Amino acid sequence: MQVEVHTITLWFDKVSEILRELKQLGASNHNMGARHGLTTRGHLRQMTAAYETLRNTEGKLPVSYQVFTISARNKAN
């Protein structure tokens, strides 16, 4: 069995662009401890302020994800 992992980073100008992209992808939070219900304006402001600390020197915000490729062969072949 062979496993490859590739990290892909996309860069955005605004947190709102990141949130829109995630929504279009259908991404959601499946953590057991995740809050249920709508996000309040206060929580959104806190998240935005925290994310803003990640800006690079060019003023862009990162979003990274990992792609795993797993391949296996049947030993009989």
PDB file of N, CA and C in Angstrom:
ATOM      1  N   MET A   1       0.851  -1.168   0.000  1.00  0.00           N
ATOM      2  CA  MET A   1       0.000   0.000   0.000  1.00  0.00           C
ATOM      3  C   MET A   1       0.898   1.232   0.000  1.00  0.00           C
ATOM      4  N   GLN A   2       0.476   2.224  -0.740  1.00  0.00           N
ATOM      5  CA  GLN A   2       1.226   3.472  -0.834  1.00  0.00           C
ATOM      6  C   GLN A   2       0.293   4.627  -0.485  1.00  0.00           C
ATOM      7  N   VAL A   3       0.786   5.530   0.350  1.00  0.00           N
ATOM      8  CA  VAL A   3       0.002   6.695   0.755  1.00  0.00           C
ATOM      9  C   VAL A   3       0.787   7.949   0.403  1.00  0.00           C
ATOM     10  N   GLU A   4       0.148   8.852  -0.302  1.00  0.00           N
ATOM     11  CA  GLU A   4       0.744  10.151  -0.617  1.00  0.00           C
ATOM     12  C   GLU A   4      -0.134  11.239  -0.022  1.00  0.00           C
ATOM     13  N   VAL A   5       0.510  12.268   0.518  1.00  0.00           N
ATOM     14  CA  VAL A   5      -0.218  13.394   1.095  1.00  0.00           C
ATOM     15  C   VAL A   5       0.295  14.666   0.443  1.00  0.00           C
ATOM     16  N   HIS A   6      -0.626  15.457  -0.062  1.00  0.00           N
ATOM     17  CA  HIS A   6      -0.279  16.742  -0.663  1.00  0.00           C
ATOM     18  C   HIS A   6      -1.044  17.836   0.070  1.00  0.00           C
ATOM     19  N   THR A   7      -0.319  18.862   0.500  1.00  0.00           N
ATOM     20  CA  THR A   7      -0.965  20.008   1.133  1.00  0.00           C
ATOM     21  C   THR A   7      -1.121  21.101   0.089  1.00  0.00           C
ATOM     22  N   ILE A   8      -2.327  21.605  -0.032  1.00  0.00           N
ATOM     23  CA  ILE A   8      -2.633  22.668  -0.990  1.00  0.00           C
ATOM     24  C   ILE A   8      -3.057  23.896  -0.202  1.00  0.00           C
ATOM     25  N   THR A   9      -2.460  25.034  -0.513  1.00  0.00           N
ATOM     26  CA  THR A   9      -2.807  26.285   0.163  1.00  0.00           C
ATOM     27  C   THR A   9      -3.335  27.272  -0.864  1.00  0.00           C
ATOM     28  N   LEU A  10      -4.502  27.815  -0.575  1.00  0.00           N
ATOM     29  CA  LEU A  10      -5.105  28.866  -1.391  1.00  0.00           C
ATOM     30  C   LEU A  10      -5.018  30.166  -0.605  1.00  0.00           C
ATOM     31  N   TRP A  11      -4.971  31.290  -1.304  1.00  0.00           N
ATOM     32  CA  TRP A  11      -4.818  32.590  -0.645  1.00  0.00           C
ATOM     33  C   TRP A  11      -5.994  33.494  -0.998  1.00  0.00           C
ATOM     34  N   PHE A  12      -6.501  34.197   0.001  1.00  0.00           N
ATOM     35  CA  PHE A  12      -7.672  35.052  -0.161  1.00  0.00           C
ATOM     36  C   PHE A  12      -7.397  36.442   0.397  1.00  0.00           C
ATOM     37  N   ASP A  13      -8.162  37.422  -0.106  1.00  0.00           N
ATOM     38  CA  ASP A  13      -8.034  38.800   0.365  1.00  0.00           C
ATOM     39  C   ASP A  13      -8.845  39.065   1.624  1.00  0.00           C
ATOM     40  N   LYS A  14      -9.989  38.390   1.763  1.00  0.00           N
ATOM     41  CA  LYS A  14     -10.892  38.663   2.883  1.00  0.00           C
ATOM     42  C   LYS A  14     -11.406  37.367   3.492  1.00  0.00           C
ATOM     43  N   VAL A  15     -11.701  37.435   4.790  1.00  0.00           N
ATOM     44  CA  VAL A  15     -12.281  36.283   5.479  1.00  0.00           C
ATOM     45  C   VAL A  15     -13.632  35.937   4.857  1.00  0.00           C
ATOM     46  N   SER A  16     -14.387  36.948   4.453  1.00  0.00           N
ATOM     47  CA  SER A  16     -15.704  36.684   3.853  1.00  0.00           C
ATOM     48  C   SER A  16     -15.577  35.856   2.572  1.00  0.00           C
ATOM     49  N   GLU A  17     -14.495  36.042   1.821  1.00  0.00           N
ATOM     50  CA  GLU A  17     -14.269  35.235   0.614  1.00  0.00           C
ATOM     51  C   GLU A  17     -14.006  33.773   0.987  1.00  0.00           C
ATOM     52  N   ILE A  18     -13.282  33.571   2.078  1.00  0.00           N
ATOM     53  CA  ILE A  18     -12.999  32.210   2.549  1.00  0.00           C
ATOM     54  C   ILE A  18     -14.299  31.522   2.948  1.00  0.00           C
ATOM     55  N   LEU A  19     -15.117  32.223   3.720  1.00  0.00           N
ATOM     56  CA  LEU A  19     -16.383  31.646   4.175  1.00  0.00           C
ATOM     57  C   LEU A  19     -17.300  31.320   3.000  1.00  0.00           C
ATOM     58  N   ARG A  20     -17.330  32.183   1.999  1.00  0.00           N
ATOM     59  CA  ARG A  20     -18.152  31.942   0.811  1.00  0.00           C
ATOM     60  C   ARG A  20     -17.656  30.699   0.068  1.00  0.00           C
ATOM     61  N   GLU A  21     -16.345  30.587  -0.072  1.00  0.00           N
ATOM     62  CA  GLU A  21     -15.754  29.430  -0.756  1.00  0.00           C
ATOM     63  C   GLU A  21     -16.085  28.130  -0.016  1.00  0.00           C
ATOM     64  N   LEU A  22     -15.957  28.144   1.309  1.00  0.00           N
ATOM     65  CA  LEU A  22     -16.272  26.949   2.099  1.00  0.00           C
ATOM     66  C   LEU A  22     -17.741  26.571   1.973  1.00  0.00           C
ATOM     67  N   LYS A  23     -18.599  27.569   1.966  1.00  0.00           N
ATOM     68  CA  LYS A  23     -20.034  27.302   1.828  1.00  0.00           C
ATOM     69  C   LYS A  23     -20.332  26.681   0.461  1.00  0.00           C
ATOM     70  N   GLN A  24     -19.704  27.207  -0.595  1.00  0.00           N
ATOM     71  CA  GLN A  24     -19.928  26.676  -1.938  1.00  0.00           C
ATOM     72  C   GLN A  24     -19.424  25.239  -2.062  1.00  0.00           C
ATOM     73  N   LEU A  25     -18.370  24.912  -1.315  1.00  0.00           N
ATOM     74  CA  LEU A  25     -17.846  23.544  -1.326  1.00  0.00           C
ATOM     75  C   LEU A  25     -18.737  22.582  -0.557  1.00  0.00           C
ATOM     76  N   GLY A  26     -19.584  23.135   0.293  1.00  0.00           N
ATOM     77  CA  GLY A  26     -20.434  22.296   1.127  1.00  0.00           C
ATOM     78  C   GLY A  26     -19.732  21.837   2.390  1.00  0.00           C
ATOM     79  N   ALA A  27     -18.647  22.526   2.748  1.00  0.00           N
ATOM     80  CA  ALA A  27     -17.890  22.157   3.949  1.00  0.00           C
ATOM     81  C   ALA A  27     -18.716  22.429   5.194  1.00  0.00           C
ATOM     82  N   SER A  28     -18.564  21.553   6.178  1.00  0.00           N
ATOM     83  CA  SER A  28     -19.268  21.740   7.448  1.00  0.00           C
ATOM     84  C   SER A  28     -18.423  21.180   8.578  1.00  0.00           C
ATOM     85  N   ASN A  29     -18.809  21.498   9.787  1.00  0.00           N
ATOM     86  CA  ASN A  29     -18.070  21.086  10.968  1.00  0.00           C
ATOM     87  C   ASN A  29     -18.753  19.867  11.582  1.00  0.00           C
ATOM     88  N   HIS A  30     -18.074  18.733  11.557  1.00  0.00           N
ATOM     89  CA  HIS A  30     -18.645  17.499  12.095  1.00  0.00           C
ATOM     90  C   HIS A  30     -18.033  17.123  13.440  1.00  0.00           C
ATOM     91  N   ASN A  31     -17.381  18.080  14.100  1.00  0.00           N
ATOM     92  CA  ASN A  31     -16.789  17.802  15.410  1.00  0.00           C
ATOM     93  C   ASN A  31     -17.881  17.563  16.439  1.00  0.00           C
ATOM     94  N   MET A  32     -17.659  16.611  17.315  1.00  0.00           N
ATOM     95  CA  MET A  32     -18.647  16.283  18.345  1.00  0.00           C
ATOM     96  C   MET A  32     -18.942  17.485  19.240  1.00  0.00           C
ATOM     97  N   GLY A  33     -17.928  18.297  19.523  1.00  0.00           N
ATOM     98  CA  GLY A  33     -18.102  19.430  20.428  1.00  0.00           C
ATOM     99  C   GLY A  33     -18.521  20.712  19.732  1.00  0.00           C
ATOM    100  N   ALA A  34     -18.837  20.635  18.450  1.00  0.00           N
ATOM    101  CA  ALA A  34     -19.183  21.840  17.690  1.00  0.00           C
ATOM    102  C   ALA A  34     -20.510  22.420  18.158  1.00  0.00           C
ATOM    103  N   ARG A  35     -20.606  23.743  18.075  1.00  0.00           N
ATOM    104  CA  ARG A  35     -21.853  24.418  18.417  1.00  0.00           C
ATOM    105  C   ARG A  35     -22.906  24.079  17.372  1.00  0.00           C
ATOM    106  N   HIS A  36     -24.129  23.999  17.813  1.00  0.00           N
ATOM    107  CA  HIS A  36     -25.243  23.779  16.895  1.00  0.00           C
ATOM    108  C   HIS A  36     -25.967  25.101  16.714  1.00  0.00           C
ATOM    109  N   GLY A  37     -26.563  25.306  15.580  1.00  0.00           N
ATOM    110  CA  GLY A  37     -27.297  26.537  15.334  1.00  0.00           C
ATOM    111  C   GLY A  37     -26.467  27.541  14.553  1.00  0.00           C
ATOM    112  N   LEU A  38     -27.025  28.722  14.395  1.00  0.00           N
ATOM    113  CA  LEU A  38     -26.388  29.772  13.612  1.00  0.00           C
ATOM    114  C   LEU A  38     -25.233  30.413  14.372  1.00  0.00           C
ATOM    115  N   THR A  39     -24.272  30.926  13.631  1.00  0.00           N
ATOM    116  CA  THR A  39     -23.153  31.643  14.225  1.00  0.00           C
ATOM    117  C   THR A  39     -23.589  33.074  14.504  1.00  0.00           C
ATOM    118  N   THR A  40     -23.324  33.550  15.706  1.00  0.00           N
ATOM    119  CA  THR A  40     -23.715  34.919  16.059  1.00  0.00           C
ATOM    120  C   THR A  40     -22.725  35.911  15.468  1.00  0.00           C
ATOM    121  N   ARG A  41     -23.120  37.165  15.399  1.00  0.00           N
ATOM    122  CA  ARG A  41     -22.211  38.201  14.898  1.00  0.00           C
ATOM    123  C   ARG A  41     -20.966  38.301  15.762  1.00  0.00           C
ATOM    124  N   GLY A  42     -21.147  38.140  17.070  1.00  0.00           N
ATOM    125  CA  GLY A  42     -20.002  38.195  17.981  1.00  0.00           C
ATOM    126  C   GLY A  42     -18.993  37.093  17.711  1.00  0.00           C
ATOM    127  N   HIS A  43     -19.486  35.872  17.508  1.00  0.00           N
ATOM    128  CA  HIS A  43     -18.589  34.751  17.195  1.00  0.00           C
ATOM    129  C   HIS A  43     -17.906  34.966  15.844  1.00  0.00           C
ATOM    130  N   LEU A  44     -18.633  35.497  14.891  1.00  0.00           N
ATOM    131  CA  LEU A  44     -18.058  35.770  13.577  1.00  0.00           C
ATOM    132  C   LEU A  44     -16.960  36.828  13.679  1.00  0.00           C
ATOM    133  N   ARG A  45     -17.186  37.859  14.487  1.00  0.00           N
ATOM    134  CA  ARG A  45     -16.159  38.895  14.695  1.00  0.00           C
ATOM    135  C   ARG A  45     -14.916  38.306  15.359  1.00  0.00           C
ATOM    136  N   GLN A  46     -15.115  37.458  16.361  1.00  0.00           N
ATOM    137  CA  GLN A  46     -13.979  36.824  17.045  1.00  0.00           C
ATOM    138  C   GLN A  46     -13.186  35.944  16.084  1.00  0.00           C
ATOM    139  N   MET A  47     -13.881  35.159  15.286  1.00  0.00           N
ATOM    140  CA  MET A  47     -13.213  34.286  14.325  1.00  0.00           C
ATOM    141  C   MET A  47     -12.449  35.113  13.294  1.00  0.00           C
ATOM    142  N   THR A  48     -13.074  36.192  12.816  1.00  0.00           N
ATOM    143  CA  THR A  48     -12.424  37.053  11.827  1.00  0.00           C
ATOM    144  C   THR A  48     -11.166  37.680  12.411  1.00  0.00           C
ATOM    145  N   ALA A  49     -11.247  38.187  13.633  1.00  0.00           N
ATOM    146  CA  ALA A  49     -10.081  38.803  14.280  1.00  0.00           C
ATOM    147  C   ALA A  49      -8.949  37.788  14.442  1.00  0.00           C
ATOM    148  N   ALA A  50      -9.286  36.568  14.828  1.00  0.00           N
ATOM    149  CA  ALA A  50      -8.265  35.529  14.981  1.00  0.00           C
ATOM    150  C   ALA A  50      -7.646  35.172  13.633  1.00  0.00           C
ATOM    151  N   TYR A  51      -8.459  35.075  12.599  1.00  0.00           N
ATOM    152  CA  TYR A  51      -7.961  34.700  11.268  1.00  0.00           C
ATOM    153  C   TYR A  51      -7.080  35.795  10.682  1.00  0.00           C
ATOM    154  N   GLU A  52      -7.399  37.049  10.984  1.00  0.00           N
ATOM    155  CA  GLU A  52      -6.617  38.177  10.459  1.00  0.00           C
ATOM    156  C   GLU A  52      -5.156  38.112  10.897  1.00  0.00           C
ATOM    157  N   THR A  53      -4.867  37.452  12.006  1.00  0.00           N
ATOM    158  CA  THR A  53      -3.480  37.338  12.472  1.00  0.00           C
ATOM    159  C   THR A  53      -2.647  36.442  11.562  1.00  0.00           C
ATOM    160  N   LEU A  54      -3.281  35.728  10.649  1.00  0.00           N
ATOM    161  CA  LEU A  54      -2.581  34.802   9.752  1.00  0.00           C
ATOM    162  C   LEU A  54      -2.177  35.428   8.420  1.00  0.00           C
ATOM    163  N   ARG A  55      -2.475  36.713   8.226  1.00  0.00           N
ATOM    164  CA  ARG A  55      -2.120  37.368   6.951  1.00  0.00           C
ATOM    165  C   ARG A  55      -0.624  37.277   6.695  1.00  0.00           C
ATOM    166  N   ASN A  56      -0.266  37.051   5.428  1.00  0.00           N
ATOM    167  CA  ASN A  56       1.150  37.022   5.073  1.00  0.00           C
ATOM    168  C   ASN A  56       1.631  38.438   4.738  1.00  0.00           C
ATOM    169  N   THR A  57       2.884  38.562   4.327  1.00  0.00           N
ATOM    170  CA  THR A  57       3.457  39.884   4.045  1.00  0.00           C
ATOM    171  C   THR A  57       2.808  40.554   2.838  1.00  0.00           C
ATOM    172  N   GLU A  58       2.132  39.772   1.999  1.00  0.00           N
ATOM    173  CA  GLU A  58       1.434  40.332   0.837  1.00  0.00           C
ATOM    174  C   GLU A  58      -0.017  40.658   1.154  1.00  0.00           C
ATOM    175  N   GLY A  59      -0.408  40.481   2.419  1.00  0.00           N
ATOM    176  CA  GLY A  59      -1.768  40.806   2.836  1.00  0.00           C
ATOM    177  C   GLY A  59      -2.805  39.740   2.524  1.00  0.00           C
ATOM    178  N   LYS A  60      -2.371  38.524   2.244  1.00  0.00           N
ATOM    179  CA  LYS A  60      -3.294  37.438   1.887  1.00  0.00           C
ATOM    180  C   LYS A  60      -3.521  36.506   3.072  1.00  0.00           C
ATOM    181  N   LEU A  61      -4.712  35.909   3.096  1.00  0.00           N
ATOM    182  CA  LEU A  61      -5.092  34.952   4.136  1.00  0.00           C
ATOM    183  C   LEU A  61      -5.035  33.531   3.577  1.00  0.00           C
ATOM    184  N   PRO A  62      -4.413  32.594   4.311  1.00  0.00           N
ATOM    185  CA  PRO A  62      -4.269  31.226   3.807  1.00  0.00           C
ATOM    186  C   PRO A  62      -5.435  30.314   4.180  1.00  0.00           C
ATOM    187  N   VAL A  63      -5.715  29.389   3.291  1.00  0.00           N
ATOM    188  CA  VAL A  63      -6.596  28.255   3.581  1.00  0.00           C
ATOM    189  C   VAL A  63      -5.860  27.032   3.051  1.00  0.00           C
ATOM    190  N   SER A  64      -5.608  26.068   3.922  1.00  0.00           N
ATOM    191  CA  SER A  64      -4.875  24.867   3.518  1.00  0.00           C
ATOM    192  C   SER A  64      -5.737  23.632   3.711  1.00  0.00           C
ATOM    193  N   TYR A  65      -5.554  22.681   2.823  1.00  0.00           N
ATOM    194  CA  TYR A  65      -6.206  21.389   2.981  1.00  0.00           C
ATOM    195  C   TYR A  65      -5.263  20.315   2.473  1.00  0.00           C
ATOM    196  N   GLN A  66      -5.505  19.104   2.922  1.00  0.00           N
ATOM    197  CA  GLN A  66      -4.652  17.996   2.533  1.00  0.00           C
ATOM    198  C   GLN A  66      -5.429  17.007   1.679  1.00  0.00           C
ATOM    199  N   VAL A  67      -4.756  16.534   0.630  1.00  0.00           N
ATOM    200  CA  VAL A  67      -5.323  15.516  -0.249  1.00  0.00           C
ATOM    201  C   VAL A  67      -4.512  14.241  -0.026  1.00  0.00           C
ATOM    202  N   PHE A  68      -5.206  13.181   0.357  1.00  0.00           N
ATOM    203  CA  PHE A  68      -4.574  11.883   0.573  1.00  0.00           C
ATOM    204  C   PHE A  68      -4.890  10.989  -0.618  1.00  0.00           C
ATOM    205  N   THR A  69      -3.850  10.383  -1.189  1.00  0.00           N
ATOM    206  CA  THR A  69      -4.019   9.403  -2.251  1.00  0.00           C
ATOM    207  C   THR A  69      -3.499   8.072  -1.718  1.00  0.00           C
ATOM    208  N   ILE A  70      -4.374   7.091  -1.689  1.00  0.00           N
ATOM    209  CA  ILE A  70      -4.006   5.772  -1.169  1.00  0.00           C
ATOM    210  C   ILE A  70      -4.174   4.757  -2.293  1.00  0.00           C
ATOM    211  N   SER A  71      -3.102   4.030  -2.592  1.00  0.00           N
ATOM    212  CA  SER A  71      -3.192   3.007  -3.624  1.00  0.00           C
ATOM    213  C   SER A  71      -2.685   1.683  -3.068  1.00  0.00           C
ATOM    214  N   ALA A  72      -3.361   0.634  -3.499  1.00  0.00           N
ATOM    215  CA  ALA A  72      -2.989  -0.712  -3.056  1.00  0.00           C
ATOM    216  C   ALA A  72      -3.127  -1.671  -4.229  1.00  0.00           C
ATOM    217  N   ARG A  73      -2.362  -2.746  -4.170  1.00  0.00           N
ATOM    218  CA  ARG A  73      -2.426  -3.777  -5.208  1.00  0.00           C
ATOM    219  C   ARG A  73      -2.754  -5.109  -4.562  1.00  0.00           C
ATOM    220  N   ASN A  74      -3.457  -5.900  -5.315  1.00  0.00           N
ATOM    221  CA  ASN A  74      -3.746  -7.265  -4.893  1.00  0.00           C
ATOM    222  C   ASN A  74      -2.474  -8.087  -5.093  1.00  0.00           C
ATOM    223  N   LYS A  75      -1.996  -8.753  -4.073  1.00  0.00           N
ATOM    224  CA  LYS A  75      -0.749  -9.526  -4.169  1.00  0.00           C
ATOM    225  C   LYS A  75      -0.825 -10.643  -5.203  1.00  0.00           C
ATOM    226  N   ALA A  76      -2.006 -11.124  -5.513  1.00  0.00           N
ATOM    227  CA  ALA A  76      -2.167 -12.213  -6.485  1.00  0.00           C
ATOM    228  C   ALA A  76      -1.835 -11.760  -7.900  1.00  0.00           C
ATOM    229  N   ASN A  77      -1.905 -10.469  -8.161  1.00  0.00           N
ATOM    230  CA  ASN A  77      -1.632  -9.967  -9.522  1.00  0.00           C
ATOM    231  C   ASN A  77      -0.219  -9.529  -9.601  1.00  0.00           C
TER     232      ASN A  77
END
